[in-house]
Amino acid sequence: MLLLGGAATTPLAVGAGYIALHTLVGLFPWSDFAGALLQYWVGEVIGIAVLTPVVLVTLRGTLPRASWRGGAELAVYGLLIGITLWLDFGPLASAQYEHFYLLFLPAVAVAVRHGLAGAALASAATQGGLIVAIQVTGVETARTTHFQLLMLTLAVTALLLGAVVSERRRVEAMIRDRQSALDRVSRLTEAGGMAAALAHELNQPLSATMSYARAARKIARLEQASPRLGEILDKTVIQAERADRVIRSLRDFVRKGHSNPAPLSVAALIADCLVLATPVAGQHAVSIQAEISPGLPAVSGDAVQLQQVLLNLVRNAAEAMDTPDPRSRRIVVFAHPDTEAGFVAVGVRDSGPGLSDVVERNLFAPFVTTKATGMGLGLSIAHSIVEAHGGTLTGERRPHGETVFRFTLPVHDAGPNHETGINSDDA
């Protein structure tokens, strides 16, 4: 509406001055002022109304995609326009222009099918055909102005209809996206409630397990049992205590939606993750290495939650690699300064087959998984944890089949507290 309003008013003001100037110098009599202004105004308005929408939709990249079906449809519309122009300017033409209104049929059809972009192209094609027909048949000036007025009516009708169709489709797409987001939030809310209930139910048996493990360790020391048994019981207590911290941390995150940030060493975070991922590496026969840039600053975050994010990414990478040669099953946990100042990038790169199209399109959507026993919540929860820390989590498929998951963490604000860099062998 703004475009058409500007196209109508601006040429009228410019044309009045333009025609008045030529009339003052004697090129036109004042009696022809209104007719000359009408011809000028119609030509300018039809040019703006037809060409400007094509330029705008081209710049916005909203033109219909090329395809065989689209090409056939375009040929049908072009044929209809050509037949109608032949009726208006061919042997069956008359001075009443009764066949001109048939041009509305393809224009309206294109506008309904393809929205504003289709309407703009249909108007431009019809106007181009009309100009060619007028030039070939040598139509007099009076009839040309009449045809331009009819063409202006067609262009305005098609553009308004196309705008309504495009706006309706945009709103429908927005509603679908909102509904999809609400569905995901609803499922995550239910999953959060289940996780909180599960954490509560696991708390008692886990506390009992830790108590029994500590008692067994104490008895083993009193009775001077085998040192190997004492070592195993020590590890059992450590892992049970870690499980308790993980459950408490995730339960607090689900309930409160935030973490308890503290200055963390990225190298230590990755080193702990590699230790925890040792059973996963042995189960899937993969090698895990670290690539950490030296001198990385401390980041701000919750150690337990970030360990879960890294461990989840490593476990996903290990489970995704099904190559027959174990030597080619390689996972790299990396860390380096991010391109954005004040952040450190941490990620996992594997040599697996890469992400499937379905998974890549729904990468962080809950309940989307290719695993037979998976729930599809790992990446969704990891994404939420990273965002709660002020960072971003992304995943991409490399051209040669590799998959890279990368997330950013903000640098801790407590001054220049830098960690000591380590190399892959140290990690």
Protein backbone atom coordinates (compact mmCIF):
# COMPACT_ATOMS: atom_id res chain seq x y z
CA MET A 1 0.00 0.00 0.00
CA LEU A 2 2.87 2.40 0.78
CA LEU A 3 4.51 1.57 -2.53
CA LEU A 4 1.33 2.11 -4.52
CA GLY A 5 0.54 5.31 -2.61
CA GLY A 6 3.99 6.70 -3.32
CA ALA A 7 3.77 5.59 -6.94
CA ALA A 8 0.50 7.49 -7.31
CA THR A 9 1.34 10.76 -5.55
CA THR A 10 4.97 11.39 -6.45
CA PRO A 11 4.59 11.13 -10.26
CA LEU A 12 1.52 13.36 -10.01
CA ALA A 13 3.51 16.14 -8.33
CA VAL A 14 6.54 15.70 -10.60
CA GLY A 15 4.37 15.38 -13.70
CA ALA A 16 2.41 18.57 -12.91
CA GLY A 17 5.63 20.57 -12.81
CA TYR A 18 7.08 18.77 -15.82
CA ILE A 19 4.03 19.28 -18.05
CA ALA A 20 3.52 22.85 -16.80
CA LEU A 21 7.11 23.70 -17.74
CA HIS A 22 6.65 22.39 -21.28
CA THR A 23 3.33 24.17 -21.55
CA LEU A 24 4.88 27.48 -20.47
CA VAL A 25 7.51 27.26 -23.20
CA GLY A 26 4.76 26.66 -25.78
CA LEU A 27 5.17 22.94 -26.50
CA PHE A 28 1.57 22.20 -25.40
CA PRO A 29 -1.54 24.34 -25.25
CA TRP A 30 -3.06 24.77 -21.81
CA SER A 31 -6.18 22.98 -23.04
CA ASP A 32 -4.12 19.75 -23.37
CA PHE A 33 -2.57 20.03 -19.89
CA ALA A 34 -4.92 17.51 -18.22
CA GLY A 35 -4.60 14.94 -21.01
CA ALA A 36 -0.80 15.22 -21.14
CA LEU A 37 -0.56 14.96 -17.36
CA LEU A 38 -2.78 11.85 -17.39
CA GLN A 39 -0.60 10.16 -20.00
CA TYR A 40 2.58 11.03 -18.08
CA TRP A 41 1.09 9.93 -14.74
CA VAL A 42 -0.24 6.60 -16.05
CA GLY A 43 3.07 5.72 -17.68
CA GLU A 44 5.09 6.53 -14.57
CA VAL A 45 2.73 4.78 -12.14
CA ILE A 46 2.49 1.59 -14.20
CA GLY A 47 6.28 1.52 -14.52
CA ILE A 48 6.80 1.88 -10.77
CA ALA A 49 3.99 -0.53 -9.85
CA VAL A 50 5.27 -3.22 -12.23
CA LEU A 51 9.08 -2.98 -12.00
CA THR A 52 9.69 -2.00 -8.36
CA PRO A 53 8.05 -5.12 -6.83
CA VAL A 54 10.16 -7.34 -9.11
CA VAL A 55 13.34 -5.59 -7.95
CA LEU A 56 12.32 -5.82 -4.29
CA VAL A 57 11.38 -9.52 -4.31
CA THR A 58 14.59 -10.29 -6.24
CA LEU A 59 16.73 -8.48 -3.67
CA ARG A 60 14.92 -10.24 -0.82
CA GLY A 61 15.44 -13.64 -2.47
CA THR A 62 11.74 -14.58 -2.33
CA LEU A 63 11.35 -15.57 -5.96
CA PRO A 64 9.78 -19.01 -6.57
CA ARG A 65 12.37 -21.77 -6.81
CA ALA A 66 13.14 -23.11 -10.25
CA SER A 67 11.93 -26.67 -10.96
CA TRP A 68 10.52 -28.74 -13.81
CA ARG A 69 7.04 -28.46 -12.37
CA GLY A 70 7.46 -24.72 -11.90
CA GLY A 71 8.72 -24.36 -15.46
CA ALA A 72 5.69 -26.18 -16.85
CA GLU A 73 3.37 -24.03 -14.75
CA LEU A 74 5.15 -20.89 -15.95
CA ALA A 75 4.75 -22.03 -19.56
CA VAL A 76 0.99 -22.47 -19.05
CA TYR A 77 0.64 -18.98 -17.58
CA GLY A 78 2.70 -17.51 -20.42
CA LEU A 79 0.51 -19.30 -22.96
CA LEU A 80 -2.64 -17.89 -21.36
CA ILE A 81 -1.19 -14.37 -21.44
CA GLY A 82 -0.14 -14.79 -25.07
CA ILE A 83 -3.60 -16.07 -26.13
CA THR A 84 -5.34 -13.18 -24.36
CA LEU A 85 -3.04 -10.60 -25.98
CA TRP A 86 -3.69 -12.21 -29.35
CA LEU A 87 -7.44 -11.87 -28.77
CA ASP A 88 -6.98 -8.18 -27.89
CA PHE A 89 -4.60 -7.27 -30.71
CA GLY A 90 -5.13 -9.99 -33.31
CA PRO A 91 -7.80 -10.43 -35.99
CA LEU A 92 -10.55 -10.75 -33.36
CA ALA A 93 -9.65 -7.48 -31.63
CA SER A 94 -12.31 -4.79 -31.12
CA ALA A 95 -12.42 -1.30 -29.71
CA GLN A 96 -14.24 -2.47 -26.56
CA TYR A 97 -11.30 -4.43 -25.07
CA GLU A 98 -13.72 -7.11 -23.91
CA HIS A 99 -10.99 -9.76 -23.99
CA PHE A 100 -8.52 -7.79 -21.85
CA TYR A 101 -10.09 -8.91 -18.59
CA LEU A 102 -9.06 -12.48 -19.36
CA LEU A 103 -5.55 -11.34 -18.37
CA PHE A 104 -6.78 -11.22 -14.77
CA LEU A 105 -7.11 -15.03 -14.73
CA PRO A 106 -3.39 -15.94 -14.98
CA ALA A 107 -2.38 -12.96 -12.82
CA VAL A 108 -4.78 -13.96 -10.03
CA ALA A 109 -3.80 -17.63 -10.35
CA VAL A 110 -0.10 -16.83 -9.98
CA ALA A 111 -0.77 -14.48 -7.04
CA VAL A 112 -2.77 -17.16 -5.22
CA ARG A 113 -0.16 -19.86 -5.92
CA HIS A 114 3.05 -17.90 -5.23
CA GLY A 115 2.03 -14.83 -3.26
CA LEU A 116 3.57 -11.41 -3.76
CA ALA A 117 6.63 -12.66 -5.66
CA GLY A 118 4.45 -14.49 -8.19
CA ALA A 119 2.13 -11.50 -8.55
CA ALA A 120 5.09 -9.20 -9.26
CA LEU A 121 6.45 -11.52 -11.95
CA ALA A 122 3.02 -12.03 -13.53
CA SER A 123 2.41 -8.27 -13.71
CA ALA A 124 5.83 -7.67 -15.27
CA ALA A 125 5.33 -10.45 -17.84
CA THR A 126 1.87 -9.17 -18.76
CA GLN A 127 3.08 -5.59 -19.09
CA GLY A 128 6.03 -6.71 -21.23
CA GLY A 129 3.70 -8.64 -23.53
CA LEU A 130 1.37 -5.66 -23.73
CA ILE A 131 4.21 -3.32 -24.73
CA VAL A 132 5.34 -5.71 -27.45
CA ALA A 133 1.78 -6.09 -28.77
CA ILE A 134 1.24 -2.30 -28.85
CA GLN A 135 4.52 -1.73 -30.69
CA VAL A 136 3.88 -4.49 -33.22
CA THR A 137 0.30 -3.48 -34.04
CA GLY A 138 0.92 0.28 -33.92
CA VAL A 139 -1.89 1.18 -31.53
CA GLU A 140 -2.70 4.90 -31.42
CA THR A 141 -1.83 6.97 -28.35
CA ALA A 142 -5.39 7.20 -27.01
CA ARG A 143 -5.81 3.45 -26.96
CA THR A 144 -2.34 3.03 -25.43
CA THR A 145 -3.34 5.16 -22.43
CA HIS A 146 -6.54 3.16 -22.09
CA PHE A 147 -4.60 -0.10 -22.11
CA GLN A 148 -2.19 1.29 -19.54
CA LEU A 149 -5.08 2.19 -17.23
CA LEU A 150 -6.41 -1.34 -17.56
CA MET A 151 -2.94 -2.73 -16.95
CA LEU A 152 -2.58 -0.54 -13.85
CA THR A 153 -5.84 -1.96 -12.52
CA LEU A 154 -4.58 -5.49 -13.13
CA ALA A 155 -1.18 -4.80 -11.49
CA VAL A 156 -2.74 -3.25 -8.37
CA THR A 157 -5.22 -6.13 -8.05
CA ALA A 158 -2.52 -8.77 -8.43
CA LEU A 159 -0.11 -7.05 -6.02
CA LEU A 160 -2.70 -6.58 -3.29
CA LEU A 161 -3.90 -10.17 -3.65
CA GLY A 162 -0.32 -11.45 -3.66
CA ALA A 163 0.48 -9.38 -0.56
CA VAL A 164 -2.53 -10.82 1.27
CA VAL A 165 -1.56 -14.38 0.31
CA SER A 166 2.09 -13.88 1.35
CA GLU A 167 1.11 -12.28 4.64
CA ARG A 168 -1.31 -15.09 5.42
CA ARG A 169 1.34 -17.72 4.69
CA ARG A 170 3.86 -15.83 6.84
CA VAL A 171 1.42 -15.70 9.75
CA GLU A 172 0.54 -19.39 9.32
CA ALA A 173 4.25 -20.30 9.33
CA MET A 174 4.80 -18.18 12.43
CA ILE A 175 1.87 -19.87 14.17
CA ARG A 176 3.25 -23.30 13.26
CA ASP A 177 6.67 -22.33 14.62
CA ARG A 178 5.15 -21.00 17.82
CA GLN A 179 3.05 -24.12 18.23
CA SER A 180 6.09 -26.30 17.62
CA ALA A 181 8.05 -24.29 20.19
CA LEU A 182 5.20 -24.63 22.69
CA ASP A 183 5.11 -28.37 22.09
CA ARG A 184 8.85 -28.62 22.70
CA VAL A 185 8.59 -26.53 25.85
CA SER A 186 5.70 -28.70 27.06
CA ARG A 187 7.68 -31.90 26.45
CA LEU A 188 10.75 -30.44 28.14
CA THR A 189 8.64 -29.35 31.09
CA GLU A 190 7.29 -32.87 31.43
CA ALA A 191 10.80 -34.29 31.06
CA GLY A 192 12.02 -31.84 33.70
CA GLY A 193 9.32 -32.98 36.11
CA MET A 194 10.21 -36.59 35.44
CA ALA A 195 13.91 -35.81 35.95
CA ALA A 196 13.22 -34.05 39.26
CA ALA A 197 11.06 -36.95 40.46
CA LEU A 198 13.64 -39.47 39.30
CA ALA A 199 16.44 -37.57 41.04
CA HIS A 200 14.42 -37.55 44.24
CA GLU A 201 13.75 -41.28 44.04
CA LEU A 202 17.40 -42.06 43.27
CA ASN A 203 18.69 -39.95 46.12
CA GLN A 204 17.88 -42.49 48.85
CA PRO A 205 19.35 -45.63 47.21
CA LEU A 206 22.38 -43.62 46.09
CA SER A 207 22.97 -42.37 49.64
CA ALA A 208 22.68 -45.95 50.87
CA THR A 209 25.15 -47.09 48.20
CA MET A 210 27.69 -44.47 49.30
CA SER A 211 27.23 -45.47 52.94
CA TYR A 212 27.74 -49.15 52.17
CA ALA A 213 30.78 -48.40 49.99
CA ARG A 214 32.38 -46.27 52.72
CA ALA A 215 31.66 -48.95 55.31
CA ALA A 216 33.17 -51.62 53.04
CA ARG A 217 36.25 -49.46 52.51
CA LYS A 218 36.63 -48.96 56.26
CA ILE A 219 36.27 -52.69 56.97
CA ALA A 220 38.78 -53.51 54.23
CA ARG A 221 41.31 -51.17 55.85
CA LEU A 222 40.68 -52.55 59.35
CA GLU A 223 41.04 -56.13 58.20
CA GLN A 224 44.04 -55.25 56.03
CA ALA A 225 42.44 -56.59 52.90
CA SER A 226 44.08 -56.64 49.48
CA PRO A 227 45.32 -53.18 48.35
CA ARG A 228 43.62 -53.79 45.01
CA LEU A 229 40.28 -54.23 46.78
CA GLY A 230 40.85 -51.00 48.70
CA GLU A 231 41.62 -49.18 45.44
CA ILE A 232 38.43 -50.49 43.85
CA LEU A 233 36.37 -49.42 46.88
CA ASP A 234 37.97 -45.96 46.80
CA LYS A 235 36.98 -45.56 43.14
CA THR A 236 33.47 -46.83 43.95
CA VAL A 237 33.04 -44.15 46.62
CA ILE A 238 34.42 -41.43 44.32
CA GLN A 239 32.06 -42.35 41.47
CA ALA A 240 29.06 -42.65 43.81
CA GLU A 241 29.81 -39.19 45.22
CA ARG A 242 30.17 -37.84 41.69
CA ALA A 243 26.82 -39.35 40.71
CA ASP A 244 25.28 -37.66 43.73
CA ARG A 245 26.73 -34.28 42.66
CA VAL A 246 25.52 -34.76 39.10
CA ILE A 247 21.98 -35.58 40.19
CA ARG A 248 21.86 -32.64 42.59
CA SER A 249 23.29 -30.25 40.01
CA LEU A 250 20.91 -31.30 37.22
CA ARG A 251 17.97 -31.27 39.62
CA ASP A 252 18.80 -27.68 40.63
CA PHE A 253 19.20 -26.74 36.97
CA VAL A 254 15.81 -28.23 36.05
CA ARG A 255 14.11 -26.52 38.97
CA LYS A 256 15.82 -23.11 38.87
CA GLY A 257 16.98 -22.93 35.23
CA HIS A 258 20.42 -21.58 36.14
CA SER A 259 23.82 -22.76 37.30
CA ASN A 260 26.32 -21.75 39.97
CA PRO A 261 29.25 -20.29 38.02
CA ALA A 262 32.79 -20.39 39.36
CA PRO A 263 36.22 -19.91 37.75
CA LEU A 264 37.19 -23.13 35.98
CA SER A 265 40.34 -24.30 34.24
CA VAL A 266 39.46 -25.46 30.74
CA ALA A 267 42.38 -27.90 30.71
CA ALA A 268 41.28 -29.42 34.02
CA LEU A 269 37.69 -29.63 32.80
CA ILE A 270 38.76 -31.54 29.68
CA ALA A 271 41.20 -33.72 31.62
CA ASP A 272 38.39 -34.77 34.01
CA CYS A 273 36.15 -35.48 31.05
CA LEU A 274 38.79 -37.71 29.43
CA VAL A 275 39.11 -39.70 32.63
CA LEU A 276 35.34 -40.15 32.86
CA ALA A 277 35.16 -41.08 29.16
CA THR A 278 37.70 -43.89 29.47
CA PRO A 279 35.02 -46.63 29.81
CA VAL A 280 33.17 -45.23 26.80
CA ALA A 281 36.37 -45.25 24.72
CA GLY A 282 37.08 -48.86 25.67
CA GLN A 283 33.53 -50.01 24.98
CA HIS A 284 33.48 -48.55 21.46
CA ALA A 285 37.18 -49.02 20.65
CA VAL A 286 37.86 -45.34 19.96
CA SER A 287 40.87 -43.18 20.74
CA ILE A 288 40.26 -39.85 22.49
CA GLN A 289 42.81 -37.05 22.31
CA ALA A 290 42.92 -33.47 23.51
CA GLU A 291 43.99 -30.38 21.58
CA ILE A 292 44.17 -27.43 23.97
CA SER A 293 45.68 -24.08 23.15
CA PRO A 294 48.20 -22.93 25.77
CA GLY A 295 47.48 -20.00 28.02
CA LEU A 296 43.70 -20.21 27.96
CA PRO A 297 42.03 -18.02 30.59
CA ALA A 298 39.75 -19.45 33.23
CA VAL A 299 36.09 -19.66 32.24
CA SER A 300 33.00 -19.13 34.33
CA GLY A 301 30.72 -22.12 34.81
CA ASP A 302 29.42 -25.03 36.83
CA ALA A 303 32.00 -27.82 36.65
CA VAL A 304 29.53 -30.68 37.08
CA GLN A 305 27.11 -29.43 34.43
CA LEU A 306 29.87 -28.66 31.91
CA GLN A 307 31.41 -32.09 32.47
CA GLN A 308 28.03 -33.58 31.62
CA VAL A 309 27.88 -31.53 28.40
CA LEU A 310 31.35 -32.65 27.30
CA LEU A 311 30.79 -36.25 28.33
CA ASN A 312 27.49 -36.33 26.44
CA LEU A 313 29.16 -35.02 23.28
CA VAL A 314 32.00 -37.55 23.58
CA ARG A 315 29.56 -40.41 24.18
CA ASN A 316 27.45 -39.39 21.16
CA ALA A 317 30.57 -39.24 18.99
CA ALA A 318 31.74 -42.68 20.14
CA GLU A 319 28.33 -44.26 19.54
CA ALA A 320 28.05 -42.66 16.09
CA MET A 321 31.27 -44.17 14.70
CA ASP A 322 30.60 -47.53 13.08
CA THR A 323 33.66 -47.73 10.81
CA PRO A 324 35.12 -51.26 10.70
CA ASP A 325 38.74 -50.14 11.19
CA PRO A 326 39.30 -49.25 14.88
CA ARG A 327 42.33 -47.14 13.91
CA SER A 328 40.06 -44.68 12.14
CA ARG A 329 37.79 -44.20 15.16
CA ARG A 330 39.19 -41.00 16.57
CA ILE A 331 37.68 -38.34 18.83
CA VAL A 332 39.37 -35.02 19.52
CA VAL A 333 38.32 -32.78 22.41
CA PHE A 334 39.60 -29.29 21.64
CA ALA A 335 39.70 -25.87 23.25
CA HIS A 336 40.96 -22.57 21.89
CA PRO A 337 40.19 -18.85 22.12
CA ASP A 338 36.91 -18.00 20.40
CA THR A 339 36.70 -15.48 17.58
CA GLU A 340 34.41 -13.43 19.82
CA ALA A 341 36.39 -11.63 22.51
CA GLY A 342 35.73 -12.77 26.06
CA PHE A 343 34.84 -16.37 25.18
CA VAL A 344 36.64 -19.71 24.94
CA ALA A 345 35.52 -22.33 22.40
CA VAL A 346 35.36 -25.95 23.52
CA GLY A 347 34.22 -28.83 21.37
CA VAL A 348 34.35 -32.42 20.20
CA ARG A 349 35.37 -33.56 16.70
CA ASP A 350 34.97 -37.15 15.50
CA SER A 351 35.85 -39.13 12.37
CA GLY A 352 32.42 -40.72 12.07
CA PRO A 353 29.96 -40.76 9.17
CA GLY A 354 28.53 -37.31 9.93
CA LEU A 355 25.06 -36.13 10.82
CA SER A 356 22.03 -37.32 8.89
CA ASP A 357 19.79 -34.70 7.28
CA VAL A 358 16.94 -35.40 9.70
CA VAL A 359 19.14 -35.07 12.77
CA GLU A 360 20.89 -31.96 11.43
CA ARG A 361 17.55 -30.22 10.86
CA ASN A 362 16.38 -31.07 14.39
CA LEU A 363 19.73 -31.02 16.11
CA PHE A 364 18.72 -29.69 19.51
CA ALA A 365 15.02 -30.57 19.44
CA PRO A 366 14.01 -32.84 22.32
CA PHE A 367 13.01 -36.46 21.67
CA VAL A 368 14.74 -36.56 18.26
CA THR A 369 17.21 -39.46 18.14
CA THR A 370 18.53 -42.20 15.85
CA LYS A 371 19.43 -44.51 18.74
CA ALA A 372 17.22 -47.51 19.39
CA THR A 373 17.46 -46.98 23.16
CA GLY A 374 17.88 -43.20 23.21
CA MET A 375 15.35 -40.63 24.45
CA GLY A 376 16.66 -37.71 22.39
CA LEU A 377 17.20 -35.44 25.41
CA GLY A 378 21.01 -35.36 25.62
CA LEU A 379 21.71 -32.60 23.11
CA SER A 380 18.62 -30.65 24.14
CA ILE A 381 19.72 -30.60 27.78
CA ALA A 382 23.32 -29.81 26.77
CA HIS A 383 22.06 -26.91 24.65
CA SER A 384 20.05 -25.56 27.60
CA ILE A 385 23.03 -25.87 29.97
CA VAL A 386 25.38 -24.02 27.59
CA GLU A 387 22.83 -21.24 27.02
CA ALA A 388 22.34 -20.94 30.79
CA HIS A 389 26.11 -20.34 31.00
CA GLY A 390 25.87 -17.51 28.47
CA GLY A 391 27.33 -19.45 25.54
CA THR A 392 26.12 -21.12 22.37
CA LEU A 393 26.23 -24.75 21.23
CA THR A 394 26.42 -25.57 17.52
CA GLY A 395 26.94 -28.70 15.45
CA GLU A 396 28.01 -29.11 11.85
CA ARG A 397 28.78 -31.85 9.35
CA ARG A 398 32.14 -31.55 7.63
CA PRO A 399 32.47 -32.35 3.88
CA HIS A 400 34.52 -35.52 4.53
CA GLY A 401 32.06 -37.03 7.00
CA GLU A 402 33.38 -35.59 10.24
CA THR A 403 31.06 -34.08 12.83
CA VAL A 404 32.02 -31.15 15.05
CA PHE A 405 30.09 -29.96 18.09
CA ARG A 406 31.35 -26.69 19.52
CA PHE A 407 30.22 -24.52 22.41
CA THR A 408 31.47 -21.26 23.86
CA LEU A 409 32.00 -20.31 27.51
CA PRO A 410 32.49 -16.81 28.87
CA VAL A 411 35.87 -15.92 30.36
CA HIS A 412 35.78 -15.45 34.13
CA ASP A 413 35.69 -11.78 35.14
CA ALA A 414 38.08 -12.08 38.08
CA GLY A 415 41.05 -10.54 36.29
CA PRO A 416 43.92 -12.15 34.36
CA ASN A 417 43.70 -15.57 35.97
CA HIS A 418 45.26 -17.77 33.30
CA GLU A 419 45.79 -21.46 33.37
CA THR A 420 48.85 -23.27 32.21
CA GLY A 421 48.47 -24.71 28.74
CA ILE A 422 48.88 -28.44 28.21
CA ASN A 423 49.43 -30.45 25.08
CA SER A 424 47.65 -33.54 23.87
CA ASP A 425 50.07 -35.95 25.54
CA ASP A 426 49.70 -34.26 28.93
CA ALA A 427 45.91 -34.48 28.69
